[in-house]
PDB file of N, CA and C in Angstrom:
ATOM      1  N   MET A   1     -22.256 -11.374   5.890  1.00  0.00           N
ATOM      2  CA  MET A   1     -21.104 -12.120   5.449  1.00  0.00           C
ATOM      3  C   MET A   1     -20.158 -12.268   6.626  1.00  0.00           C
ATOM      4  N   SER A   2     -19.752 -13.460   6.896  1.00  0.00           N
ATOM      5  CA  SER A   2     -18.868 -13.756   8.009  1.00  0.00           C
ATOM      6  C   SER A   2     -17.408 -13.609   7.576  1.00  0.00           C
ATOM      7  N   LEU A   3     -16.606 -13.053   8.455  1.00  0.00           N
ATOM      8  CA  LEU A   3     -15.189 -12.906   8.159  1.00  0.00           C
ATOM      9  C   LEU A   3     -14.365 -14.072   8.662  1.00  0.00           C
ATOM     10  N   LYS A   4     -14.976 -14.945   9.465  1.00  0.00           N
ATOM     11  CA  LYS A   4     -14.260 -16.115   9.964  1.00  0.00           C
ATOM     12  C   LYS A   4     -14.161 -17.156   8.855  1.00  0.00           C
ATOM     13  N   VAL A   5     -13.003 -17.772   8.773  1.00  0.00           N
ATOM     14  CA  VAL A   5     -12.748 -18.759   7.734  1.00  0.00           C
ATOM     15  C   VAL A   5     -12.260 -20.031   8.403  1.00  0.00           C
ATOM     16  N   ASN A   6     -12.806 -21.160   7.971  1.00  0.00           N
ATOM     17  CA  ASN A   6     -12.333 -22.445   8.466  1.00  0.00           C
ATOM     18  C   ASN A   6     -10.961 -22.743   7.877  1.00  0.00           C
ATOM     19  N   LYS A   7     -10.123 -23.399   8.662  1.00  0.00           N
ATOM     20  CA  LYS A   7      -8.793 -23.763   8.189  1.00  0.00           C
ATOM     21  C   LYS A   7      -8.867 -24.687   6.969  1.00  0.00           C
ATOM     22  N   ARG A   8      -9.934 -25.497   6.891  1.00  0.00           N
ATOM     23  CA  ARG A   8     -10.078 -26.429   5.768  1.00  0.00           C
ATOM     24  C   ARG A   8     -10.342 -25.697   4.462  1.00  0.00           C
ATOM     25  N   GLU A   9     -10.895 -24.491   4.527  1.00  0.00           N
ATOM     26  CA  GLU A   9     -11.229 -23.747   3.319  1.00  0.00           C
ATOM     27  C   GLU A   9     -10.047 -22.964   2.757  1.00  0.00           C
ATOM     28  N   LEU A  10      -8.965 -22.883   3.523  1.00  0.00           N
ATOM     29  CA  LEU A  10      -7.807 -22.118   3.089  1.00  0.00           C
ATOM     30  C   LEU A  10      -6.876 -22.972   2.249  1.00  0.00           C
ATOM     31  N   THR A  11      -6.295 -22.354   1.252  1.00  0.00           N
ATOM     32  CA  THR A  11      -5.281 -22.992   0.433  1.00  0.00           C
ATOM     33  C   THR A  11      -3.946 -22.364   0.801  1.00  0.00           C
ATOM     34  N   GLU A  12      -2.960 -23.183   1.039  1.00  0.00           N
ATOM     35  CA  GLU A  12      -1.654 -22.678   1.431  1.00  0.00           C
ATOM     36  C   GLU A  12      -0.669 -22.843   0.290  1.00  0.00           C
ATOM     37  N   VAL A  13       0.074 -21.783   0.039  1.00  0.00           N
ATOM     38  CA  VAL A  13       1.085 -21.788  -1.004  1.00  0.00           C
ATOM     39  C   VAL A  13       2.402 -21.384  -0.375  1.00  0.00           C
ATOM     40  N   LYS A  14       3.459 -22.088  -0.707  1.00  0.00           N
ATOM     41  CA  LYS A  14       4.787 -21.707  -0.236  1.00  0.00           C
ATOM     42  C   LYS A  14       5.500 -20.972  -1.363  1.00  0.00           C
ATOM     43  N   VAL A  15       6.023 -19.801  -1.031  1.00  0.00           N
ATOM     44  CA  VAL A  15       6.694 -18.958  -2.009  1.00  0.00           C
ATOM     45  C   VAL A  15       8.164 -18.876  -1.615  1.00  0.00           C
ATOM     46  N   ARG A  16       9.030 -19.237  -2.515  1.00  0.00           N
ATOM     47  CA  ARG A  16      10.461 -19.157  -2.239  1.00  0.00           C
ATOM     48  C   ARG A  16      10.962 -17.723  -2.366  1.00  0.00           C
ATOM     49  N   ARG A  17      10.403 -16.994  -3.314  1.00  0.00           N
ATOM     50  CA  ARG A  17      10.914 -15.652  -3.564  1.00  0.00           C
ATOM     51  C   ARG A  17       9.843 -14.820  -4.252  1.00  0.00           C
ATOM     52  N   LEU A  18       9.675 -13.593  -3.800  1.00  0.00           N
ATOM     53  CA  LEU A  18       8.800 -12.643  -4.483  1.00  0.00           C
ATOM     54  C   LEU A  18       9.669 -11.756  -5.368  1.00  0.00           C
ATOM     55  N   SER A  19       9.145 -11.388  -6.531  1.00  0.00           N
ATOM     56  CA  SER A  19       9.939 -10.543  -7.413  1.00  0.00           C
ATOM     57  C   SER A  19       9.997  -9.126  -6.855  1.00  0.00           C
ATOM     58  N   ALA A  20      11.050  -8.424  -7.197  1.00  0.00           N
ATOM     59  CA  ALA A  20      11.219  -7.041  -6.748  1.00  0.00           C
ATOM     60  C   ALA A  20      10.097  -6.165  -7.301  1.00  0.00           C
ATOM     61  N   GLY A  21       9.645  -6.457  -8.500  1.00  0.00           N
ATOM     62  CA  GLY A  21       8.554  -5.679  -9.092  1.00  0.00           C
ATOM     63  C   GLY A  21       7.254  -5.810  -8.312  1.00  0.00           C
ATOM     64  N   SER A  22       6.964  -6.997  -7.819  1.00  0.00           N
ATOM     65  CA  SER A  22       5.748  -7.199  -7.030  1.00  0.00           C
ATOM     66  C   SER A  22       5.805  -6.430  -5.722  1.00  0.00           C
ATOM     67  N   ILE A  23       6.962  -6.476  -5.064  1.00  0.00           N
ATOM     68  CA  ILE A  23       7.114  -5.741  -3.813  1.00  0.00           C
ATOM     69  C   ILE A  23       7.016  -4.245  -4.060  1.00  0.00           C
ATOM     70  N   LEU A  24       7.618  -3.757  -5.138  1.00  0.00           N
ATOM     71  CA  LEU A  24       7.581  -2.329  -5.454  1.00  0.00           C
ATOM     72  C   LEU A  24       6.159  -1.857  -5.739  1.00  0.00           C
ATOM     73  N   LYS A  25       5.388  -2.659  -6.456  1.00  0.00           N
ATOM     74  CA  LYS A  25       4.003  -2.287  -6.745  1.00  0.00           C
ATOM     75  C   LYS A  25       3.186  -2.137  -5.469  1.00  0.00           C
ATOM     76  N   ILE A  26       3.401  -3.033  -4.521  1.00  0.00           N
ATOM     77  CA  ILE A  26       2.693  -2.950  -3.250  1.00  0.00           C
ATOM     78  C   ILE A  26       3.117  -1.706  -2.490  1.00  0.00           C
ATOM     79  N   CYS A  27       4.414  -1.431  -2.476  1.00  0.00           N
ATOM     80  CA  CYS A  27       4.923  -0.271  -1.730  1.00  0.00           C
ATOM     81  C   CYS A  27       4.504   1.057  -2.354  1.00  0.00           C
ATOM     82  N   LEU A  28       4.269   1.095  -3.653  1.00  0.00           N
ATOM     83  CA  LEU A  28       3.914   2.355  -4.311  1.00  0.00           C
ATOM     84  C   LEU A  28       2.501   2.827  -3.966  1.00  0.00           C
ATOM     85  N   PHE A  29       1.706   1.979  -3.321  1.00  0.00           N
ATOM     86  CA  PHE A  29       0.375   2.411  -2.913  1.00  0.00           C
ATOM     87  C   PHE A  29       0.425   3.511  -1.854  1.00  0.00           C
ATOM     88  N   VAL A  30       1.569   3.709  -1.199  1.00  0.00           N
ATOM     89  CA  VAL A  30       1.693   4.752  -0.185  1.00  0.00           C
ATOM     90  C   VAL A  30       1.618   6.141  -0.829  1.00  0.00           C
ATOM     91  N   ILE A  31       1.797   6.229  -2.129  1.00  0.00           N
ATOM     92  CA  ILE A  31       1.726   7.522  -2.815  1.00  0.00           C
ATOM     93  C   ILE A  31       0.308   8.080  -2.770  1.00  0.00           C
ATOM     94  N   ILE A  32      -0.698   7.226  -2.754  1.00  0.00           N
ATOM     95  CA  ILE A  32      -2.087   7.698  -2.781  1.00  0.00           C
ATOM     96  C   ILE A  32      -2.433   8.530  -1.543  1.00  0.00           C
ATOM     97  N   PRO A  33      -2.241   8.021  -0.307  1.00  0.00           N
ATOM     98  CA  PRO A  33      -2.580   8.864   0.845  1.00  0.00           C
ATOM     99  C   PRO A  33      -1.658  10.069   1.006  1.00  0.00           C
ATOM    100  N   SER A  34      -0.383   9.929   0.650  1.00  0.00           N
ATOM    101  CA  SER A  34       0.514  11.072   0.797  1.00  0.00           C
ATOM    102  C   SER A  34       0.165  12.169  -0.198  1.00  0.00           C
ATOM    103  N   SER A  35      -0.286  11.805  -1.389  1.00  0.00           N
ATOM    104  CA  SER A  35      -0.732  12.808  -2.355  1.00  0.00           C
ATOM    105  C   SER A  35      -2.001  13.502  -1.872  1.00  0.00           C
ATOM    106  N   ALA A  36      -2.883  12.739  -1.247  1.00  0.00           N
ATOM    107  CA  ALA A  36      -4.111  13.330  -0.713  1.00  0.00           C
ATOM    108  C   ALA A  36      -3.792  14.324   0.402  1.00  0.00           C
ATOM    109  N   ILE A  37      -2.848  13.987   1.265  1.00  0.00           N
ATOM    110  CA  ILE A  37      -2.448  14.902   2.336  1.00  0.00           C
ATOM    111  C   ILE A  37      -1.789  16.144   1.738  1.00  0.00           C
ATOM    112  N   GLY A  38      -0.922  15.966   0.742  1.00  0.00           N
ATOM    113  CA  GLY A  38      -0.293  17.103   0.070  1.00  0.00           C
ATOM    114  C   GLY A  38      -1.316  18.000  -0.594  1.00  0.00           C
ATOM    115  N   LEU A  39      -2.341  17.401  -1.215  1.00  0.00           N
ATOM    116  CA  LEU A  39      -3.409  18.182  -1.834  1.00  0.00           C
ATOM    117  C   LEU A  39      -4.197  18.953  -0.786  1.00  0.00           C
ATOM    118  N   LEU A  40      -4.469  18.324   0.348  1.00  0.00           N
ATOM    119  CA  LEU A  40      -5.189  18.993   1.433  1.00  0.00           C
ATOM    120  C   LEU A  40      -4.400  20.182   1.956  1.00  0.00           C
ATOM    121  N   PHE A  41      -3.106  19.985   2.211  1.00  0.00           N
ATOM    122  CA  PHE A  41      -2.270  21.099   2.674  1.00  0.00           C
ATOM    123  C   PHE A  41      -2.181  22.188   1.608  1.00  0.00           C
ATOM    124  N   GLY A  42      -2.114  21.775   0.348  1.00  0.00           N
ATOM    125  CA  GLY A  42      -2.087  22.754  -0.738  1.00  0.00           C
ATOM    126  C   GLY A  42      -3.376  23.558  -0.824  1.00  0.00           C
ATOM    127  N   LEU A  43      -4.513  22.904  -0.609  1.00  0.00           N
ATOM    128  CA  LEU A  43      -5.786  23.632  -0.611  1.00  0.00           C
ATOM    129  C   LEU A  43      -5.845  24.638   0.532  1.00  0.00           C
ATOM    130  N   PHE A  44      -5.333  24.255   1.708  1.00  0.00           N
ATOM    131  CA  PHE A  44      -5.276  25.206   2.820  1.00  0.00           C
ATOM    132  C   PHE A  44      -4.346  26.372   2.487  1.00  0.00           C
ATOM    133  N   ALA A  45      -3.225  26.095   1.814  1.00  0.00           N
ATOM    134  CA  ALA A  45      -2.312  27.168   1.406  1.00  0.00           C
ATOM    135  C   ALA A  45      -2.982  28.074   0.381  1.00  0.00           C
ATOM    136  N   LEU A  46      -3.811  27.509  -0.469  1.00  0.00           N
ATOM    137  CA  LEU A  46      -4.552  28.305  -1.445  1.00  0.00           C
ATOM    138  C   LEU A  46      -5.514  29.261  -0.750  1.00  0.00           C
ATOM    139  N   LEU A  47      -6.049  28.835   0.382  1.00  0.00           N
ATOM    140  CA  LEU A  47      -6.970  29.674   1.149  1.00  0.00           C
ATOM    141  C   LEU A  47      -6.252  30.643   2.081  1.00  0.00           C
ATOM    142  N   GLY A  48      -4.923  30.590   2.134  1.00  0.00           N
ATOM    143  CA  GLY A  48      -4.168  31.546   2.923  1.00  0.00           C
ATOM    144  C   GLY A  48      -3.596  31.025   4.220  1.00  0.00           C
ATOM    145  N   PHE A  49      -3.763  29.755   4.510  1.00  0.00           N
ATOM    146  CA  PHE A  49      -3.192  29.182   5.720  1.00  0.00           C
ATOM    147  C   PHE A  49      -1.709  28.870   5.500  1.00  0.00           C
ATOM    148  N   ASP A  50      -0.951  28.878   6.596  1.00  0.00           N
ATOM    149  CA  ASP A  50       0.485  28.643   6.550  1.00  0.00           C
ATOM    150  C   ASP A  50       0.766  27.146   6.716  1.00  0.00           C
ATOM    151  N   THR A  51       0.406  26.342   5.724  1.00  0.00           N
ATOM    152  CA  THR A  51       0.574  24.887   5.825  1.00  0.00           C
ATOM    153  C   THR A  51       1.690  24.357   4.936  1.00  0.00           C
ATOM    154  N   VAL A  52       2.110  25.110   3.937  1.00  0.00           N
ATOM    155  CA  VAL A  52       3.172  24.672   3.034  1.00  0.00           C
ATOM    156  C   VAL A  52       4.324  25.668   3.155  1.00  0.00           C
ATOM    157  N   ARG A  53       5.504  25.144   3.420  1.00  0.00           N
ATOM    158  CA  ARG A  53       6.684  25.999   3.573  1.00  0.00           C
ATOM    159  C   ARG A  53       7.802  25.505   2.669  1.00  0.00           C
ATOM    160  N   TRP A  54       8.576  26.459   2.173  1.00  0.00           N
ATOM    161  CA  TRP A  54       9.788  26.156   1.433  1.00  0.00           C
ATOM    162  C   TRP A  54      10.911  26.848   2.184  1.00  0.00           C
ATOM    163  N   GLY A  55      11.731  26.070   2.850  1.00  0.00           N
ATOM    164  CA  GLY A  55      12.717  26.654   3.756  1.00  0.00           C
ATOM    165  C   GLY A  55      11.985  27.166   4.987  1.00  0.00           C
ATOM    166  N   TYR A  56      12.194  28.447   5.301  1.00  0.00           N
ATOM    167  CA  TYR A  56      11.502  29.046   6.435  1.00  0.00           C
ATOM    168  C   TYR A  56      10.322  29.901   5.997  1.00  0.00           C
ATOM    169  N   TYR A  57      10.072  29.991   4.722  1.00  0.00           N
ATOM    170  CA  TYR A  57       9.066  30.913   4.214  1.00  0.00           C
ATOM    171  C   TYR A  57       7.792  30.182   3.795  1.00  0.00           C
ATOM    172  N   PRO A  58       6.644  30.694   4.199  1.00  0.00           N
ATOM    173  CA  PRO A  58       5.389  30.061   3.770  1.00  0.00           C
ATOM    174  C   PRO A  58       5.122  30.327   2.292  1.00  0.00           C
ATOM    175  N   VAL A  59       4.533  29.365   1.640  1.00  0.00           N
ATOM    176  CA  VAL A  59       4.156  29.496   0.231  1.00  0.00           C
ATOM    177  C   VAL A  59       2.635  29.468   0.190  1.00  0.00           C
ATOM    178  N   LEU A  60       2.047  30.524  -0.321  1.00  0.00           N
ATOM    179  CA  LEU A  60       0.588  30.660  -0.321  1.00  0.00           C
ATOM    180  C   LEU A  60       0.061  30.728  -1.748  1.00  0.00           C
ATOM    181  N   GLY A  61      -1.253  30.614  -1.879  1.00  0.00           N
ATOM    182  CA  GLY A  61      -1.921  30.750  -3.173  1.00  0.00           C
ATOM    183  C   GLY A  61      -1.756  29.523  -4.044  1.00  0.00           C
ATOM    184  N   VAL A  62      -1.773  29.769  -5.349  1.00  0.00           N
ATOM    185  CA  VAL A  62      -1.671  28.679  -6.323  1.00  0.00           C
ATOM    186  C   VAL A  62      -0.316  27.991  -6.205  1.00  0.00           C
ATOM    187  N   ASN A  63       0.734  28.767  -5.930  1.00  0.00           N
ATOM    188  CA  ASN A  63       2.061  28.166  -5.745  1.00  0.00           C
ATOM    189  C   ASN A  63       2.057  27.201  -4.562  1.00  0.00           C
ATOM    190  N   GLY A  64       1.348  27.539  -3.489  1.00  0.00           N
ATOM    191  CA  GLY A  64       1.236  26.661  -2.337  1.00  0.00           C
ATOM    192  C   GLY A  64       0.497  25.379  -2.680  1.00  0.00           C
ATOM    193  N   LEU A  65      -0.539  25.507  -3.510  1.00  0.00           N
ATOM    194  CA  LEU A  65      -1.286  24.320  -3.949  1.00  0.00           C
ATOM    195  C   LEU A  65      -0.389  23.390  -4.750  1.00  0.00           C
ATOM    196  N   LEU A  66       0.326  23.933  -5.714  1.00  0.00           N
ATOM    197  CA  LEU A  66       1.201  23.118  -6.555  1.00  0.00           C
ATOM    198  C   LEU A  66       2.357  22.516  -5.754  1.00  0.00           C
ATOM    199  N   LEU A  67       2.945  23.322  -4.862  1.00  0.00           N
ATOM    200  CA  LEU A  67       4.045  22.826  -4.052  1.00  0.00           C
ATOM    201  C   LEU A  67       3.571  21.763  -3.063  1.00  0.00           C
ATOM    202  N   GLY A  68       2.373  21.937  -2.507  1.00  0.00           N
ATOM    203  CA  GLY A  68       1.833  20.940  -1.590  1.00  0.00           C
ATOM    204  C   GLY A  68       1.645  19.592  -2.258  1.00  0.00           C
ATOM    205  N   VAL A  69       1.089  19.601  -3.461  1.00  0.00           N
ATOM    206  CA  VAL A  69       0.896  18.345  -4.201  1.00  0.00           C
ATOM    207  C   VAL A  69       2.249  17.737  -4.568  1.00  0.00           C
ATOM    208  N   ALA A  70       3.186  18.571  -5.014  1.00  0.00           N
ATOM    209  CA  ALA A  70       4.508  18.059  -5.385  1.00  0.00           C
ATOM    210  C   ALA A  70       5.229  17.466  -4.175  1.00  0.00           C
ATOM    211  N   LEU A  71       5.159  18.145  -3.036  1.00  0.00           N
ATOM    212  CA  LEU A  71       5.804  17.616  -1.834  1.00  0.00           C
ATOM    213  C   LEU A  71       5.139  16.322  -1.365  1.00  0.00           C
ATOM    214  N   GLY A  72       3.816  16.223  -1.524  1.00  0.00           N
ATOM    215  CA  GLY A  72       3.124  14.981  -1.180  1.00  0.00           C
ATOM    216  C   GLY A  72       3.582  13.830  -2.058  1.00  0.00           C
ATOM    217  N   LEU A  73       3.738  14.084  -3.355  1.00  0.00           N
ATOM    218  CA  LEU A  73       4.204  13.034  -4.272  1.00  0.00           C
ATOM    219  C   LEU A  73       5.641  12.627  -3.973  1.00  0.00           C
ATOM    220  N   VAL A  74       6.503  13.611  -3.773  1.00  0.00           N
ATOM    221  CA  VAL A  74       7.912  13.312  -3.506  1.00  0.00           C
ATOM    222  C   VAL A  74       8.061  12.592  -2.156  1.00  0.00           C
ATOM    223  N   GLY A  75       7.315  13.057  -1.149  1.00  0.00           N
ATOM    224  CA  GLY A  75       7.373  12.393   0.156  1.00  0.00           C
ATOM    225  C   GLY A  75       6.866  10.968   0.089  1.00  0.00           C
ATOM    226  N   GLY A  76       5.764  10.755  -0.622  1.00  0.00           N
ATOM    227  CA  GLY A  76       5.228   9.403  -0.779  1.00  0.00           C
ATOM    228  C   GLY A  76       6.171   8.492  -1.535  1.00  0.00           C
ATOM    229  N   LEU A  77       6.793   9.026  -2.580  1.00  0.00           N
ATOM    230  CA  LEU A  77       7.745   8.232  -3.348  1.00  0.00           C
ATOM    231  C   LEU A  77       8.971   7.881  -2.510  1.00  0.00           C
ATOM    232  N   THR A  78       9.429   8.809  -1.692  1.00  0.00           N
ATOM    233  CA  THR A  78      10.578   8.556  -0.816  1.00  0.00           C
ATOM    234  C   THR A  78      10.262   7.457   0.196  1.00  0.00           C
ATOM    235  N   VAL A  79       9.103   7.552   0.825  1.00  0.00           N
ATOM    236  CA  VAL A  79       8.703   6.530   1.799  1.00  0.00           C
ATOM    237  C   VAL A  79       8.512   5.179   1.107  1.00  0.00           C
ATOM    238  N   ALA A  80       7.910   5.180  -0.077  1.00  0.00           N
ATOM    239  CA  ALA A  80       7.691   3.930  -0.809  1.00  0.00           C
ATOM    240  C   ALA A  80       9.010   3.260  -1.159  1.00  0.00           C
ATOM    241  N   LEU A  81       9.981   4.035  -1.637  1.00  0.00           N
ATOM    242  CA  LEU A  81      11.264   3.439  -2.007  1.00  0.00           C
ATOM    243  C   LEU A  81      12.050   2.958  -0.791  1.00  0.00           C
ATOM    244  N   ALA A  82      11.968   3.707   0.321  1.00  0.00           N
ATOM    245  CA  ALA A  82      12.645   3.258   1.543  1.00  0.00           C
ATOM    246  C   ALA A  82      12.023   1.964   2.050  1.00  0.00           C
ATOM    247  N   ASN A  83      10.694   1.887   2.058  1.00  0.00           N
ATOM    248  CA  ASN A  83      10.017   0.654   2.479  1.00  0.00           C
ATOM    249  C   ASN A  83      10.349  -0.494   1.537  1.00  0.00           C
ATOM    250  N   PHE A  84      10.385  -0.214   0.242  1.00  0.00           N
ATOM    251  CA  PHE A  84      10.714  -1.246  -0.739  1.00  0.00           C
ATOM    252  C   PHE A  84      12.090  -1.843  -0.458  1.00  0.00           C
ATOM    253  N   LEU A  85      13.077  -0.983  -0.237  1.00  0.00           N
ATOM    254  CA  LEU A  85      14.427  -1.486   0.015  1.00  0.00           C
ATOM    255  C   LEU A  85      14.485  -2.339   1.277  1.00  0.00           C
ATOM    256  N   LEU A  86      13.827  -1.877   2.347  1.00  0.00           N
ATOM    257  CA  LEU A  86      13.843  -2.637   3.590  1.00  0.00           C
ATOM    258  C   LEU A  86      13.123  -3.983   3.445  1.00  0.00           C
ATOM    259  N   ILE A  87      11.965  -3.974   2.804  1.00  0.00           N
ATOM    260  CA  ILE A  87      11.209  -5.217   2.616  1.00  0.00           C
ATOM    261  C   ILE A  87      11.958  -6.165   1.684  1.00  0.00           C
ATOM    262  N   TRP A  88      12.522  -5.634   0.612  1.00  0.00           N
ATOM    263  CA  TRP A  88      13.232  -6.460  -0.354  1.00  0.00           C
ATOM    264  C   TRP A  88      14.438  -7.132   0.284  1.00  0.00           C
ATOM    265  N   ILE A  89      15.204  -6.369   1.059  1.00  0.00           N
ATOM    266  CA  ILE A  89      16.359  -6.945   1.744  1.00  0.00           C
ATOM    267  C   ILE A  89      15.903  -7.993   2.762  1.00  0.00           C
ATOM    268  N   GLY A  90      14.870  -7.670   3.526  1.00  0.00           N
ATOM    269  CA  GLY A  90      14.360  -8.620   4.513  1.00  0.00           C
ATOM    270  C   GLY A  90      13.839  -9.893   3.881  1.00  0.00           C
ATOM    271  N   MET A  91      13.117  -9.769   2.774  1.00  0.00           N
ATOM    272  CA  MET A  91      12.599 -10.962   2.094  1.00  0.00           C
ATOM    273  C   MET A  91      13.733 -11.769   1.460  1.00  0.00           C
ATOM    274  N   ALA A  92      14.753 -11.101   0.931  1.00  0.00           N
ATOM    275  CA  ALA A  92      15.880 -11.816   0.325  1.00  0.00           C
ATOM    276  C   ALA A  92      16.645 -12.601   1.382  1.00  0.00           C
ATOM    277  N   VAL A  93      16.877 -11.994   2.533  1.00  0.00           N
ATOM    278  CA  VAL A  93      17.586 -12.688   3.603  1.00  0.00           C
ATOM    279  C   VAL A  93      16.705 -13.791   4.186  1.00  0.00           C
ATOM    280  N   GLY A  94      15.438 -13.491   4.411  1.00  0.00           N
ATOM    281  CA  GLY A  94      14.534 -14.478   4.994  1.00  0.00           C
ATOM    282  C   GLY A  94      14.290 -15.678   4.108  1.00  0.00           C
ATOM    283  N   SER A  95      14.275 -15.478   2.783  1.00  0.00           N
ATOM    284  CA  SER A  95      14.016 -16.597   1.876  1.00  0.00           C
ATOM    285  C   SER A  95      15.178 -17.575   1.828  1.00  0.00           C
ATOM    286  N   ARG A  96      16.337 -17.166   2.304  1.00  0.00           N
ATOM    287  CA  ARG A  96      17.481 -18.084   2.365  1.00  0.00           C
ATOM    288  C   ARG A  96      17.264 -19.171   3.412  1.00  0.00           C
ATOM    289  N   PHE A  97      16.471 -18.854   4.432  1.00  0.00           N
ATOM    290  CA  PHE A  97      16.294 -19.777   5.547  1.00  0.00           C
ATOM    291  C   PHE A  97      14.975 -20.527   5.505  1.00  0.00           C
ATOM    292  N   LYS A  98      13.905 -19.866   5.067  1.00  0.00           N
ATOM    293  CA  LYS A  98      12.590 -20.492   5.117  1.00  0.00           C
ATOM    294  C   LYS A  98      11.692 -19.883   4.048  1.00  0.00           C
ATOM    295  N   ALA A  99      10.850 -20.702   3.446  1.00  0.00           N
ATOM    296  CA  ALA A  99       9.908 -20.231   2.438  1.00  0.00           C
ATOM    297  C   ALA A  99       8.774 -19.457   3.114  1.00  0.00           C
ATOM    298  N   THR A 100       8.241 -18.473   2.430  1.00  0.00           N
ATOM    299  CA  THR A 100       7.125 -17.693   2.928  1.00  0.00           C
ATOM    300  C   THR A 100       5.830 -18.440   2.639  1.00  0.00           C
ATOM    301  N   LYS A 101       4.947 -18.509   3.632  1.00  0.00           N
ATOM    302  CA  LYS A 101       3.662 -19.174   3.451  1.00  0.00           C
ATOM    303  C   LYS A 101       2.588 -18.118   3.232  1.00  0.00           C
ATOM    304  N   ILE A 102       1.780 -18.331   2.227  1.00  0.00           N
ATOM    305  CA  ILE A 102       0.647 -17.449   1.954  1.00  0.00           C
ATOM    306  C   ILE A 102      -0.599 -18.315   1.987  1.00  0.00           C
ATOM    307  N   GLN A 103      -1.574 -17.922   2.799  1.00  0.00           N
ATOM    308  CA  GLN A 103      -2.838 -18.643   2.862  1.00  0.00           C
ATOM    309  C   GLN A 103      -3.915 -17.765   2.241  1.00  0.00           C
ATOM    310  N   PHE A 104      -4.715 -18.363   1.373  1.00  0.00           N
ATOM    311  CA  PHE A 104      -5.807 -17.619   0.772  1.00  0.00           C
ATOM    312  C   PHE A 104      -7.022 -18.510   0.648  1.00  0.00           C
ATOM    313  N   GLN A 105      -8.163 -17.852   0.508  1.00  0.00           N
ATOM    314  CA  GLN A 105      -9.419 -18.572   0.385  1.00  0.00           C
ATOM    315  C   GLN A 105      -9.863 -18.501  -1.069  1.00  0.00           C
ATOM    316  N   SER A 106     -10.283 -19.619  -1.598  1.00  0.00           N
ATOM    317  CA  SER A 106     -10.749 -19.664  -2.976  1.00  0.00           C
ATOM    318  C   SER A 106     -11.974 -18.778  -3.130  1.00  0.00           C
ATOM    319  N   ALA A 107     -12.093 -18.127  -4.269  1.00  0.00           N
ATOM    320  CA  ALA A 107     -13.219 -17.231  -4.509  1.00  0.00           C
ATOM    321  C   ALA A 107     -14.542 -17.982  -4.521  1.00  0.00           C
ATOM    322  N   SER A 108     -14.545 -19.206  -5.012  1.00  0.00           N
ATOM    323  CA  SER A 108     -15.783 -19.983  -5.069  1.00  0.00           C
ATOM    324  C   SER A 108     -16.233 -20.363  -3.663  1.00  0.00           C
ATOM    325  N   VAL A 109     -15.302 -20.629  -2.743  1.00  0.00           N
ATOM    326  CA  VAL A 109     -15.661 -20.973  -1.371  1.00  0.00           C
ATOM    327  C   VAL A 109     -16.137 -19.744  -0.630  1.00  0.00           C
ATOM    328  N   ALA A 110     -15.569 -18.576  -0.931  1.00  0.00           N
ATOM    329  CA  ALA A 110     -15.927 -17.331  -0.243  1.00  0.00           C
ATOM    330  C   ALA A 110     -17.257 -16.779  -0.722  1.00  0.00           C
ATOM    331  N   GLY A 111     -17.825 -17.340  -1.764  1.00  0.00           N
ATOM    332  CA  GLY A 111     -19.107 -16.853  -2.274  1.00  0.00           C
ATOM    333  C   GLY A 111     -18.971 -15.694  -3.246  1.00  0.00           C
ATOM    334  N   ILE A 112     -17.751 -15.453  -3.726  1.00  0.00           N
ATOM    335  CA  ILE A 112     -17.526 -14.379  -4.701  1.00  0.00           C
ATOM    336  C   ILE A 112     -17.650 -14.995  -6.083  1.00  0.00           C
ATOM    337  N   PRO A 113     -18.508 -14.434  -6.933  1.00  0.00           N
ATOM    338  CA  PRO A 113     -18.651 -15.018  -8.275  1.00  0.00           C
ATOM    339  C   PRO A 113     -17.374 -14.841  -9.089  1.00  0.00           C
ATOM    340  N   GLU A 114     -17.010 -15.885  -9.821  1.00  0.00           N
ATOM    341  CA  GLU A 114     -15.822 -15.823 -10.667  1.00  0.00           C
ATOM    342  C   GLU A 114     -16.177 -15.163 -11.975  1.00  0.00           C
ATOM    343  N   ARG A 115     -15.180 -14.539 -12.586  1.00  0.00           N
ATOM    344  CA  ARG A 115     -15.412 -13.830 -13.856  1.00  0.00           C
ATOM    345  C   ARG A 115     -15.385 -14.766 -15.022  1.00  0.00           C
TER     346      ARG A 115
END
C-alpha cells in the first residue's frame, strides 16, 4: 500500500471553527500513554524500586502501585487540559483571520471498504 496521495484524490474542506468538545477529545488521548508510564513506575515500586515518591519519601509496594497509576492519570489530565486551553485559544484567535483547511482522502479512493 502506497502512502503517497495525488493532489487530485484529496478533498479539501474549510473549517471556520472547531468545537471545544472536539479539541478536548483529541487532547484527552494523552491520558493513555501517561497512565501506562504511571502503571510502569507503579509496578517497579511494587517490586521495591524507588520510582514513586510522595514528597521526599519513596512509596513502595501496593501503595506505590496505586499512587503511580493515580499520578499518571492526574499528570496526563493536567497536560491534556493545558494543551486544550492553548490549542483552543490559538484556534479561536486564528479563526478570526483565516479558515482552517483540512485535506482528506475519500475511503473509496484509498481502497478502504466502506461500512
